[in-house]
Amino acid sequence: MKLNSFSFGILLSCVLVLQSAFGIYAQKKQVTINWDKIIMVSKTTPTLQVVVNPLLLQNSPIYNDAFNALKNLGADYVRFVPWYHYPHMAVVELKPPSGNKTFWDFSHIDPIVEDFMEATKGHSIVMNFSTIPVWMFVTEQKTEYPKDPDLVCRTYNQGMKLRDTTLKEVTDYYVRLLSWYTKGGFTDEAGIYHKSGYFYNIPYWEILNEPDIEHRIPVQKYTQIYDAIVFALKKVIPDTKFVGMSLANESDPEWFEYFLNSANHTDGVQPEIISYHFYGKPDFKEQKLEEYQYSFYNKADAFIDRIQYIENIRKRLAPHCLTFINEIGNIIGDQEGTSIPDDYWNLSGGMVAYIYIELAKMGIDVAGESQLVGFPTEYPSVTMINWKNGQPNAKFLMLKLLKDNFGPGDKMVGTVSNSKDIAAQAFICAKNKKLLLINKRNKQIQIELPLEAKGAKIQSVDISTGNRIAESRLAESEITLLPFGVSVIQLKKLSN
C-alpha cells in the first residue's frame, strides 16, 4: 500500500505520541514491595561514635547541645574514643615513672567520661582509650606535646615498636586505666593507691584504633598486643566483650585471615568482635558536589563489595565473631576546614543510610556513624552537630530516623526500585510495616509507591527541613523526594 504525504504525516505523529507515552512510562520511578518475601532478619543496630575533643568540655558553647543530643538519641553501642590528637585527654600517664614518682592524671578526661556515661545511661557503650603513651614506644627523639590540653597535637602517635617486648608495660597501663573506671581505683608502679570512686559497667572495650596506620603495626604484632591486653583485662572485668582490629583500611585480607584464625591467638583469648571503618571521599581535591554525589556512592558500593569477602573469611574462621563497622562517614577538604556546601550534610547522611541498608542485608551487627562533634582543625566535614550553634545537622537527623524506626529483629522484605537514583528497603517491624527511601541525587524525584501508601505517615529529612525531622501524610500513593532526601514511610498493614 502506498501512503500519501498526509497519511504518512498522521502515521508519524501517532508513532511519536506512542514513543513519548512509552518513554514517560519507562522513566517513571517506582518502588514495588513483596511483603511475603523475607530476605533477611536484621541484626544491625544504627549508632555513632563520640571522639573526644575540646568542644565536649563543659566550658564549650555547644557542650549542653551536644550531650543533650546524644542523650535524646538513646542509641546503643555508642563508641567513645579519646584520641591522640589531644594527648592530655587521651593519655592518663603522659610521663614514665621516675624513681618513686608517677604521673597519673585523669583530670582532663574524667569530666567528659562522666558526661558521656550520664548521656548514655541505660544503653550499651564501646570504650576505646586507643592511645598508648608514646614513651612506651621506641622513637628517634622525644615527642613533644602542648602544655595546653585544648591544643591539637597530630604528631603524638610516634613509634612502631614498643620498648618493652614482653608487653607487660602496656598491659599494666591498661589494667590500671580500666580499674580506675570500673573498680574504684588502682595501685600505681610505686605502690601508691589512687582512688577514683568510679564503678562503671563497660560492656565492650576496643583494643587500639586504626593500628594499620597510626603506628603501622603489622597484624602479627597487633594480635600479640591484643591477646596480652585482653588476657589481663578479663581478670578485671570478666564479663566485658572485646573488640579487635579497628582497621582504617579493610582492603588487606591478611589482617582478617590472620586475626580471625584462633590458631594465631594465645590460650584463653579468642576474637569476639572485629571492627573496621569506611569514609567516602571526593575523587580529586577540586571536585564539586554535583560530581562527588557519584563518587561517594561509587566508593560505598566498592566498600560493600569488600565486606562480602570479609564476611566469607569471618564465617569460615570465626562464625561466632560479631562485626562492628563503627566509623562510617565522608571527608571533604582537610582537617583544618573547608568550604562545606549546605547540601553536603544531606548527601553524607543519605550515604550512611544507604550503607545501613546494605549492612543489614549482610547481617553486620553495628553500623556506627562518624562522629558526634567535629570542627575546623578536627575534620569538620564529619560532624553531626553544628560546631557554631550546637544544632543537629542532617547527618544526625538521618541517623535518628534510622535509630527510631529500625533495628535488630526487623524483617527485610523484597523491595525493588527501578531507578539507580533511589535506594529503597521495606521492613516488617514489631508494630508496623515501613519503607525507607533515599534520594542519592541532587535533584527532585517523584516516585510511585504501592497503593497502600496512600494516607501513610511520613518522616523526612531533606534540604527543606532544617534542623528537624518533618512529619506529614501522603495524600496519594506517590512521593516527591527532594535532593538528597531520606524518608521513612509508615505503611498501612496489609489485609490478611
Protein backbone atom coordinates (compact mmCIF):
# COMPACT_ATOMS: atom_id res chain seq x y z
CA MET A 1 0.00 0.00 0.00
CA LYS A 2 1.35 3.39 -0.93
CA LEU A 3 0.87 6.24 1.58
CA ASN A 4 0.33 9.79 0.51
CA SER A 5 2.13 12.57 2.37
CA PHE A 6 -0.93 13.38 4.52
CA SER A 7 -1.40 9.75 5.65
CA PHE A 8 2.30 9.39 6.32
CA GLY A 9 2.24 12.52 8.47
CA ILE A 10 -0.61 11.15 10.58
CA LEU A 11 1.16 7.82 11.00
CA LEU A 12 4.39 9.51 12.01
CA SER A 13 2.55 11.65 14.57
CA CYS A 14 0.95 8.56 16.10
CA VAL A 15 4.31 6.82 16.34
CA LEU A 16 5.84 9.84 18.07
CA VAL A 17 2.96 10.06 20.53
CA LEU A 18 3.30 6.37 21.37
CA GLN A 19 7.06 6.69 21.75
CA SER A 20 6.56 9.64 24.07
CA ALA A 21 3.98 7.75 26.13
CA PHE A 22 6.22 4.69 26.45
CA GLY A 23 9.14 6.94 27.31
CA ILE A 24 7.26 8.63 30.10
CA TYR A 25 6.17 5.25 31.45
CA ALA A 26 9.69 3.86 31.24
CA GLN A 27 11.11 6.86 33.07
CA LYS A 28 8.56 6.77 35.85
CA LYS A 29 10.26 5.97 39.15
CA GLN A 30 8.58 3.13 41.01
CA VAL A 31 9.11 1.13 44.17
CA THR A 32 7.46 -2.27 44.50
CA ILE A 33 7.31 -4.43 47.63
CA ASN A 34 6.79 -8.16 48.12
CA TRP A 35 5.79 -8.50 51.76
CA ASP A 36 5.77 -12.29 51.53
CA LYS A 37 9.45 -12.47 50.53
CA ILE A 38 11.60 -12.15 53.66
CA ILE A 39 15.22 -11.72 52.58
CA MET A 40 16.82 -11.16 55.99
CA VAL A 41 16.03 -10.65 59.65
CA SER A 42 18.12 -7.64 60.58
CA LYS A 43 20.77 -7.84 63.31
CA THR A 44 22.06 -4.33 62.68
CA THR A 45 22.00 -1.51 65.23
CA PRO A 46 22.47 2.04 63.87
CA THR A 47 24.61 4.18 66.17
CA LEU A 48 27.51 6.66 66.24
CA GLN A 49 30.93 7.37 67.68
CA VAL A 50 31.98 10.17 70.04
CA VAL A 51 35.57 11.32 69.56
CA VAL A 52 36.91 13.35 72.48
CA ASN A 53 37.86 16.97 71.76
CA PRO A 54 37.61 20.39 73.47
CA LEU A 55 34.08 21.11 72.19
CA LEU A 56 32.84 18.39 74.55
CA LEU A 57 34.25 20.16 77.61
CA GLN A 58 31.86 21.89 79.99
CA ASN A 59 33.16 25.34 79.02
CA SER A 60 32.33 24.73 75.36
CA PRO A 61 29.48 26.84 73.92
CA ILE A 62 27.91 23.70 72.42
CA TYR A 63 28.56 21.40 75.40
CA ASN A 64 24.91 21.16 76.52
CA ASP A 65 23.59 20.80 72.98
CA ALA A 66 26.00 18.00 72.09
CA PHE A 67 25.37 15.86 75.16
CA ASN A 68 21.61 16.53 75.12
CA ALA A 69 21.50 15.36 71.50
CA LEU A 70 23.41 12.21 72.44
CA LYS A 71 21.13 11.54 75.40
CA ASN A 72 17.93 12.12 73.46
CA LEU A 73 19.10 9.86 70.64
CA GLY A 74 19.24 6.92 73.06
CA ALA A 75 21.48 4.79 70.87
CA ASP A 76 23.19 1.54 71.85
CA TYR A 77 26.80 0.56 71.13
CA VAL A 78 27.93 4.20 71.20
CA ARG A 79 31.69 4.24 70.66
CA PHE A 80 33.75 6.55 72.90
CA VAL A 81 37.25 7.39 71.67
CA PRO A 82 39.75 9.62 73.48
CA TRP A 83 42.20 10.16 70.58
CA TYR A 84 45.88 11.05 70.28
CA HIS A 85 45.16 14.49 68.78
CA TYR A 86 44.56 15.71 72.34
CA PRO A 87 47.15 13.83 74.45
CA HIS A 88 46.03 15.26 77.81
CA MET A 89 42.52 13.89 77.21
CA ALA A 90 43.64 10.60 75.69
CA VAL A 91 46.64 9.50 77.77
CA VAL A 92 46.45 9.36 81.55
CA GLU A 93 50.17 8.78 82.14
CA LEU A 94 51.96 11.25 79.88
CA LYS A 95 55.35 10.74 81.56
CA PRO A 96 57.05 7.47 82.56
CA PRO A 97 57.54 6.69 86.26
CA SER A 98 60.70 8.20 87.71
CA GLY A 99 62.01 6.63 90.88
CA ASN A 100 59.15 6.57 93.32
CA LYS A 101 57.22 9.22 91.41
CA THR A 102 54.44 8.55 88.91
CA PHE A 103 52.45 10.92 86.71
CA TRP A 104 48.94 9.58 86.51
CA ASP A 105 46.44 12.35 85.69
CA PHE A 106 42.78 11.78 84.82
CA SER A 107 41.68 15.37 85.39
CA HIS A 108 41.33 16.26 81.69
CA ILE A 109 39.31 13.22 80.69
CA ASP A 110 37.18 12.34 83.75
CA PRO A 111 34.64 15.17 83.23
CA ILE A 112 33.99 14.04 79.65
CA VAL A 113 33.74 10.38 80.71
CA GLU A 114 31.23 11.34 83.40
CA ASP A 115 29.12 13.33 80.95
CA PHE A 116 29.30 10.57 78.35
CA MET A 117 28.25 7.92 80.86
CA GLU A 118 25.35 10.06 82.02
CA ALA A 119 24.20 10.75 78.44
CA THR A 120 24.29 7.04 77.52
CA LYS A 121 22.88 5.69 80.79
CA GLY A 122 20.76 2.62 80.17
CA HIS A 123 22.45 1.92 76.83
CA SER A 124 25.46 -0.14 75.84
CA ILE A 125 28.76 1.57 75.05
CA VAL A 126 32.06 0.67 73.42
CA MET A 127 35.03 2.25 75.21
CA ASN A 128 38.31 2.75 73.37
CA PHE A 129 41.21 4.53 75.04
CA SER A 130 43.12 3.96 71.85
CA THR A 131 46.32 5.93 72.50
CA ILE A 132 49.29 4.17 74.09
CA PRO A 133 51.66 6.60 75.87
CA VAL A 134 54.32 7.49 73.33
CA TRP A 135 57.10 6.96 75.86
CA MET A 136 56.33 3.25 75.67
CA PHE A 137 57.49 3.23 72.04
CA VAL A 138 60.98 3.26 70.60
CA THR A 139 61.32 6.68 68.96
CA GLU A 140 64.23 8.55 67.39
CA GLN A 141 63.61 11.59 69.55
CA LYS A 142 61.43 12.68 72.43
CA THR A 143 57.89 13.50 71.37
CA GLU A 144 56.70 16.91 72.48
CA TYR A 145 53.08 17.83 73.11
CA PRO A 146 51.41 21.14 74.03
CA LYS A 147 51.12 22.13 77.66
CA ASP A 148 47.66 23.46 76.87
CA PRO A 149 45.34 20.42 76.89
CA ASP A 150 42.97 22.12 74.44
CA LEU A 151 45.57 22.42 71.69
CA VAL A 152 45.75 19.82 68.96
CA CYS A 153 48.86 17.65 68.55
CA ARG A 154 48.88 15.43 65.45
CA THR A 155 52.40 14.11 65.97
CA TYR A 156 51.86 12.26 69.25
CA ASN A 157 51.48 8.80 67.72
CA GLN A 158 55.18 8.23 67.07
CA GLY A 159 56.97 4.90 67.00
CA MET A 160 56.26 1.49 65.56
CA LYS A 161 57.77 -0.82 68.20
CA LEU A 162 57.05 -0.98 71.92
CA ARG A 163 60.17 -0.69 74.07
CA ASP A 164 59.03 -3.49 76.37
CA THR A 165 58.86 -6.56 74.16
CA THR A 166 57.22 -8.58 76.95
CA LEU A 167 54.19 -6.22 76.64
CA LYS A 168 53.89 -6.02 80.44
CA GLU A 169 54.35 -2.25 80.44
CA VAL A 170 51.46 -1.56 78.05
CA THR A 171 49.30 -4.26 79.64
CA ASP A 172 49.76 -2.83 83.15
CA TYR A 173 48.85 0.62 81.82
CA TYR A 174 45.50 -0.59 80.53
CA VAL A 175 44.78 -2.66 83.65
CA ARG A 176 45.22 0.44 85.80
CA LEU A 177 43.22 2.64 83.43
CA LEU A 178 40.34 0.15 83.33
CA SER A 179 40.47 -0.31 87.11
CA TRP A 180 40.15 3.45 87.55
CA TYR A 181 36.78 3.40 85.80
CA THR A 182 35.41 0.02 86.92
CA LYS A 183 36.98 -0.88 90.28
CA GLY A 184 37.13 2.44 92.09
CA GLY A 185 40.88 2.94 91.67
CA PHE A 186 44.27 1.25 91.26
CA THR A 187 47.72 0.87 92.74
CA ASP A 188 50.45 2.55 90.69
CA GLU A 189 54.02 1.45 89.88
CA ALA A 190 55.29 2.92 93.15
CA GLY A 191 52.74 1.05 95.25
CA ILE A 192 50.54 4.10 95.86
CA TYR A 193 46.77 3.66 95.65
CA HIS A 194 44.76 6.14 93.56
CA LYS A 195 41.05 6.28 94.40
CA SER A 196 38.53 7.22 91.70
CA GLY A 197 35.18 6.16 93.09
CA TYR A 198 34.09 5.01 89.63
CA PHE A 199 32.38 1.65 89.23
CA TYR A 200 31.10 1.92 85.69
CA ASN A 201 29.80 -1.03 83.72
CA ILE A 202 31.68 -1.19 80.43
CA PRO A 203 30.20 -3.99 78.29
CA TYR A 204 32.57 -3.51 75.33
CA TRP A 205 36.20 -2.43 75.18
CA GLU A 206 38.06 -1.92 71.91
CA ILE A 207 41.80 -2.51 71.60
CA LEU A 208 43.59 0.39 69.87
CA ASN A 209 42.34 2.38 66.88
CA GLU A 210 43.43 2.03 63.27
CA PRO A 211 46.73 0.33 64.18
CA ASP A 212 47.39 -0.26 60.50
CA ILE A 213 48.05 3.47 60.02
CA GLU A 214 48.51 5.07 63.46
CA HIS A 215 51.61 3.05 64.35
CA ARG A 216 51.92 0.88 61.22
CA ILE A 217 51.63 -2.23 63.38
CA PRO A 218 51.61 -5.48 61.37
CA VAL A 219 48.78 -7.89 62.09
CA GLN A 220 51.08 -10.43 63.80
CA LYS A 221 52.31 -7.87 66.33
CA TYR A 222 48.84 -6.37 66.78
CA THR A 223 47.45 -9.81 67.58
CA GLN A 224 50.13 -10.27 70.26
CA ILE A 225 49.26 -6.88 71.78
CA TYR A 226 45.53 -7.64 71.62
CA ASP A 227 45.97 -11.01 73.30
CA ALA A 228 48.17 -9.63 76.07
CA ILE A 229 45.83 -6.75 76.89
CA VAL A 230 42.63 -8.80 76.66
CA PHE A 231 44.07 -11.63 78.79
CA ALA A 232 44.92 -9.13 81.53
CA LEU A 233 41.71 -7.08 81.30
CA LYS A 234 39.49 -10.14 81.50
CA LYS A 235 40.82 -10.67 85.01
CA VAL A 236 39.50 -7.21 85.92
CA ILE A 237 36.19 -7.30 84.03
CA PRO A 238 35.45 -10.92 83.02
CA ASP A 239 32.02 -10.15 81.54
CA THR A 240 33.27 -7.50 79.12
CA LYS A 241 33.47 -8.33 75.41
CA PHE A 242 36.49 -7.10 73.46
CA VAL A 243 36.61 -5.55 70.01
CA GLY A 244 39.67 -6.11 67.86
CA MET A 245 41.36 -4.80 64.73
CA SER A 246 39.61 -1.40 64.31
CA LEU A 247 41.13 -1.07 60.86
CA ALA A 248 41.31 2.10 58.80
CA ASN A 249 41.85 0.08 55.62
CA GLU A 250 39.84 -3.09 55.19
CA SER A 251 41.29 -3.99 51.79
CA ASP A 252 44.08 -6.27 53.07
CA PRO A 253 42.73 -9.82 53.52
CA GLU A 254 45.84 -10.83 55.50
CA TRP A 255 44.55 -8.92 58.52
CA PHE A 256 41.30 -10.89 58.57
CA GLU A 257 42.83 -14.23 57.68
CA TYR A 258 45.38 -13.93 60.49
CA PHE A 259 43.40 -12.26 63.28
CA LEU A 260 40.27 -14.38 62.86
CA ASN A 261 42.25 -17.63 62.94
CA SER A 262 42.08 -18.96 66.51
CA ALA A 263 45.41 -20.76 65.99
CA ASN A 264 47.15 -17.38 65.99
CA HIS A 265 45.90 -16.42 69.47
CA THR A 266 47.14 -17.39 72.91
CA ASP A 267 45.21 -19.80 75.08
CA GLY A 268 42.26 -18.16 76.79
CA VAL A 269 41.86 -15.40 74.19
CA GLN A 270 39.78 -15.64 71.05
CA PRO A 271 38.46 -12.93 68.72
CA GLU A 272 35.00 -11.93 69.89
CA ILE A 273 34.24 -8.87 67.77
CA ILE A 274 36.05 -7.26 64.85
CA SER A 275 35.74 -3.68 63.64
CA TYR A 276 36.74 -1.61 60.65
CA HIS A 277 35.96 1.76 59.09
CA PHE A 278 34.82 3.49 55.90
CA TYR A 279 34.98 7.09 54.69
CA GLY A 280 33.81 8.19 51.27
CA LYS A 281 35.89 10.94 49.70
CA PRO A 282 35.87 13.02 46.52
CA ASP A 283 37.89 11.65 43.62
CA PHE A 284 40.03 14.78 43.48
CA LYS A 285 40.54 17.90 45.59
CA GLU A 286 38.64 20.37 43.41
CA GLN A 287 35.65 18.11 42.85
CA LYS A 288 32.24 19.74 43.38
CA LEU A 289 29.02 18.49 44.97
CA GLU A 290 27.49 17.65 41.60
CA GLU A 291 30.29 15.17 40.95
CA TYR A 292 31.06 13.72 44.33
CA GLN A 293 27.46 12.66 44.84
CA TYR A 294 28.50 9.91 42.43
CA SER A 295 31.97 9.44 43.93
CA PHE A 296 30.60 8.83 47.43
CA TYR A 297 28.12 6.18 46.34
CA ASN A 298 30.61 4.52 44.00
CA LYS A 299 33.05 4.22 46.89
CA ALA A 300 30.26 2.98 49.16
CA ASP A 301 29.40 0.25 46.66
CA ALA A 302 33.06 -0.78 46.42
CA PHE A 303 33.22 -0.94 50.23
CA ILE A 304 30.09 -3.08 50.35
CA ASP A 305 31.67 -5.46 47.86
CA ARG A 306 34.73 -5.80 50.10
CA ILE A 307 32.53 -6.56 53.10
CA GLN A 308 31.28 -9.60 51.21
CA TYR A 309 34.73 -11.19 51.06
CA ILE A 310 35.47 -10.17 54.66
CA GLU A 311 32.27 -11.87 55.76
CA ASN A 312 33.26 -15.00 53.88
CA ILE A 313 36.55 -15.07 55.82
CA ARG A 314 34.81 -14.43 59.14
CA LYS A 315 32.18 -17.11 58.59
CA ARG A 316 34.86 -19.60 57.65
CA LEU A 317 37.29 -18.90 60.52
CA ALA A 318 35.22 -17.37 63.33
CA PRO A 319 31.46 -17.59 62.73
CA HIS A 320 30.81 -16.70 66.38
CA CYS A 321 32.60 -13.36 65.96
CA LEU A 322 30.49 -10.17 65.65
CA THR A 323 31.25 -7.28 63.30
CA PHE A 324 31.12 -3.62 64.27
CA ILE A 325 31.62 -1.18 61.39
CA ASN A 326 31.92 1.72 63.78
CA GLU A 327 33.18 4.61 61.68
CA ILE A 328 31.07 5.41 58.61
CA GLY A 329 31.12 8.82 57.00
CA ASN A 330 32.58 11.18 54.47
CA ILE A 331 35.54 13.53 54.46
CA ILE A 332 35.95 16.53 52.20
CA GLY A 333 38.75 19.06 52.39
CA ASP A 334 41.20 18.52 55.22
CA GLN A 335 41.42 18.58 59.00
CA GLU A 336 41.74 22.34 59.20
CA GLY A 337 38.50 23.19 57.48
CA THR A 338 37.00 23.74 54.10
CA SER A 339 34.06 25.36 52.41
CA ILE A 340 31.27 22.85 53.03
CA PRO A 341 28.09 23.21 50.93
CA ASP A 342 24.86 23.05 52.93
CA ASP A 343 23.59 20.12 50.84
CA TYR A 344 26.70 18.09 51.72
CA TRP A 345 25.27 17.14 55.12
CA ASN A 346 22.20 15.63 53.43
CA LEU A 347 24.31 13.77 50.88
CA SER A 348 26.58 12.37 53.59
CA GLY A 349 23.73 11.31 55.87
CA GLY A 350 21.92 9.69 52.97
CA MET A 351 25.00 7.68 52.07
CA VAL A 352 25.22 6.37 55.65
CA ALA A 353 21.54 5.36 55.48
CA TYR A 354 22.25 3.55 52.20
CA ILE A 355 25.18 1.69 53.73
CA TYR A 356 22.97 0.80 56.72
CA ILE A 357 20.55 -0.99 54.38
CA GLU A 358 23.33 -3.00 52.79
CA LEU A 359 24.94 -3.86 56.15
CA ALA A 360 21.59 -5.09 57.46
CA LYS A 361 21.24 -7.35 54.41
CA MET A 362 24.61 -8.92 55.26
CA GLY A 363 23.96 -9.42 58.98
CA ILE A 364 26.50 -6.87 60.24
CA ASP A 365 25.90 -6.20 63.94
CA VAL A 366 26.68 -2.49 64.32
CA ALA A 367 26.66 0.43 61.87
CA GLY A 368 28.27 3.42 63.59
CA GLU A 369 28.22 6.86 62.02
CA SER A 370 31.15 9.22 62.47
CA GLN A 371 31.02 11.42 64.54
CA LEU A 372 29.14 13.49 67.13
CA VAL A 373 31.32 16.62 67.03
CA GLY A 374 33.96 17.71 64.55
CA PHE A 375 35.10 21.25 63.81
CA PRO A 376 37.79 23.18 61.92
CA THR A 377 41.19 21.64 62.79
CA GLU A 378 39.36 18.37 63.61
CA TYR A 379 37.71 17.11 60.42
CA PRO A 380 34.75 19.50 60.26
CA SER A 381 33.11 17.50 57.45
CA VAL A 382 32.44 14.52 59.74
CA THR A 383 30.48 16.39 62.40
CA MET A 384 26.85 15.60 63.22
CA ILE A 385 26.43 18.68 65.40
CA ASN A 386 26.92 22.19 64.01
CA TRP A 387 30.02 23.44 65.82
CA LYS A 388 28.80 27.04 65.51
CA ASN A 389 25.36 26.77 67.09
CA GLY A 390 25.13 23.26 68.56
CA GLN A 391 22.18 22.23 66.40
CA PRO A 392 21.97 18.74 64.88
CA ASN A 393 22.65 18.69 61.16
CA ALA A 394 21.10 16.42 58.53
CA LYS A 395 23.62 13.65 59.30
CA PHE A 396 22.44 13.44 62.90
CA LEU A 397 18.77 13.68 61.98
CA MET A 398 19.06 10.92 59.39
CA LEU A 399 20.72 8.69 62.00
CA LYS A 400 17.84 9.47 64.35
CA LEU A 401 15.41 8.43 61.60
CA LEU A 402 17.20 5.09 61.34
CA LYS A 403 17.53 4.55 65.07
CA ASP A 404 13.90 5.45 65.88
CA ASN A 405 12.44 3.28 63.13
CA PHE A 406 14.71 0.28 62.53
CA GLY A 407 16.82 -2.22 64.42
CA PRO A 408 17.55 -5.87 65.21
CA GLY A 409 14.61 -8.20 64.67
CA ASP A 410 13.08 -6.25 61.77
CA LYS A 411 12.25 -8.41 58.76
CA MET A 412 13.61 -7.08 55.49
CA VAL A 413 11.38 -7.97 52.56
CA GLY A 414 11.74 -7.98 48.80
CA THR A 415 11.91 -4.39 47.62
CA VAL A 416 12.65 -3.18 44.09
CA SER A 417 13.40 0.35 42.89
CA ASN A 418 13.50 0.71 39.11
CA SER A 419 15.87 3.68 39.41
CA LYS A 420 19.51 3.64 40.42
CA ASP A 421 18.96 7.12 41.83
CA ILE A 422 16.67 5.77 44.55
CA ALA A 423 17.58 3.29 47.28
CA ALA A 424 14.58 1.60 48.88
CA GLN A 425 14.04 -1.07 51.50
CA ALA A 426 10.83 -2.22 53.18
CA PHE A 427 10.79 -3.66 56.70
CA ILE A 428 8.25 -5.54 58.77
CA CYS A 429 8.92 -4.06 62.20
CA ALA A 430 7.47 -5.02 65.57
CA LYS A 431 4.35 -2.89 65.18
CA ASN A 432 4.35 -1.51 61.66
CA LYS A 433 5.41 -2.05 58.09
CA LYS A 434 7.81 0.64 56.97
CA LEU A 435 9.61 1.76 53.84
CA LEU A 436 12.97 3.54 53.86
CA LEU A 437 13.64 5.74 50.80
CA ILE A 438 16.90 7.51 49.93
CA ASN A 439 17.36 10.01 47.11
CA LYS A 440 21.00 9.57 46.11
CA ARG A 441 20.99 12.51 43.72
CA ASN A 442 20.96 16.28 43.79
CA LYS A 443 17.59 16.55 42.08
CA GLN A 444 13.93 16.25 42.91
CA ILE A 445 12.49 12.81 42.15
CA GLN A 446 8.86 11.68 42.05
CA ILE A 447 8.25 8.05 42.99
CA GLU A 448 5.19 5.91 42.54
CA LEU A 449 4.57 3.73 45.60
CA PRO A 450 2.27 0.77 46.29
CA LEU A 451 -1.38 1.79 46.67
CA GLU A 452 -1.24 1.06 50.40
CA ALA A 453 0.98 4.12 50.83
CA LYS A 454 -1.94 6.49 50.34
CA GLY A 455 -2.58 8.28 53.62
CA ALA A 456 0.56 6.86 55.25
CA LYS A 457 2.58 8.78 57.81
CA ILE A 458 5.91 10.03 56.51
CA GLN A 459 9.02 11.33 58.28
CA SER A 460 11.60 13.16 56.19
CA VAL A 461 14.95 14.90 56.35
CA ASP A 462 15.89 16.88 53.27
CA ILE A 463 17.16 20.29 52.17
CA SER A 464 13.90 21.93 53.28
CA THR A 465 13.58 20.53 56.82
CA GLY A 466 16.38 22.45 58.55
CA ASN A 467 17.36 21.05 61.95
CA ARG A 468 14.26 18.93 62.45
CA ILE A 469 12.55 15.79 61.19
CA ALA A 470 9.45 16.81 59.23
CA GLU A 471 6.26 14.76 59.55
CA SER A 472 3.30 14.65 57.20
CA ARG A 473 0.92 12.24 55.43
CA LEU A 474 0.85 11.13 51.83
CA ALA A 475 -2.25 12.34 50.01
CA GLU A 476 -1.69 9.83 47.21
CA SER A 477 0.37 6.69 46.64
CA GLU A 478 3.33 8.67 45.43
CA ILE A 479 6.03 10.82 46.96
CA THR A 480 8.35 13.56 45.80
CA LEU A 481 11.80 13.28 47.33
CA LEU A 482 13.79 16.49 47.40
CA PRO A 483 17.53 16.41 46.55
CA PHE A 484 19.44 14.06 48.89
CA GLY A 485 16.26 13.45 50.86
CA VAL A 486 15.69 10.49 53.20
CA SER A 487 12.17 9.44 54.17
CA VAL A 488 10.58 6.73 56.30
CA ILE A 489 7.01 5.83 55.33
CA GLN A 490 4.88 4.01 57.89
CA LEU A 491 2.67 1.91 55.66
CA LYS A 492 -0.76 0.57 56.49
CA LYS A 493 -0.93 -3.11 57.31
CA LEU A 494 -1.95 -5.40 54.52
CA SER A 495 -5.22 -7.25 54.98
CA ASN A 496 -4.96 -10.99 55.63
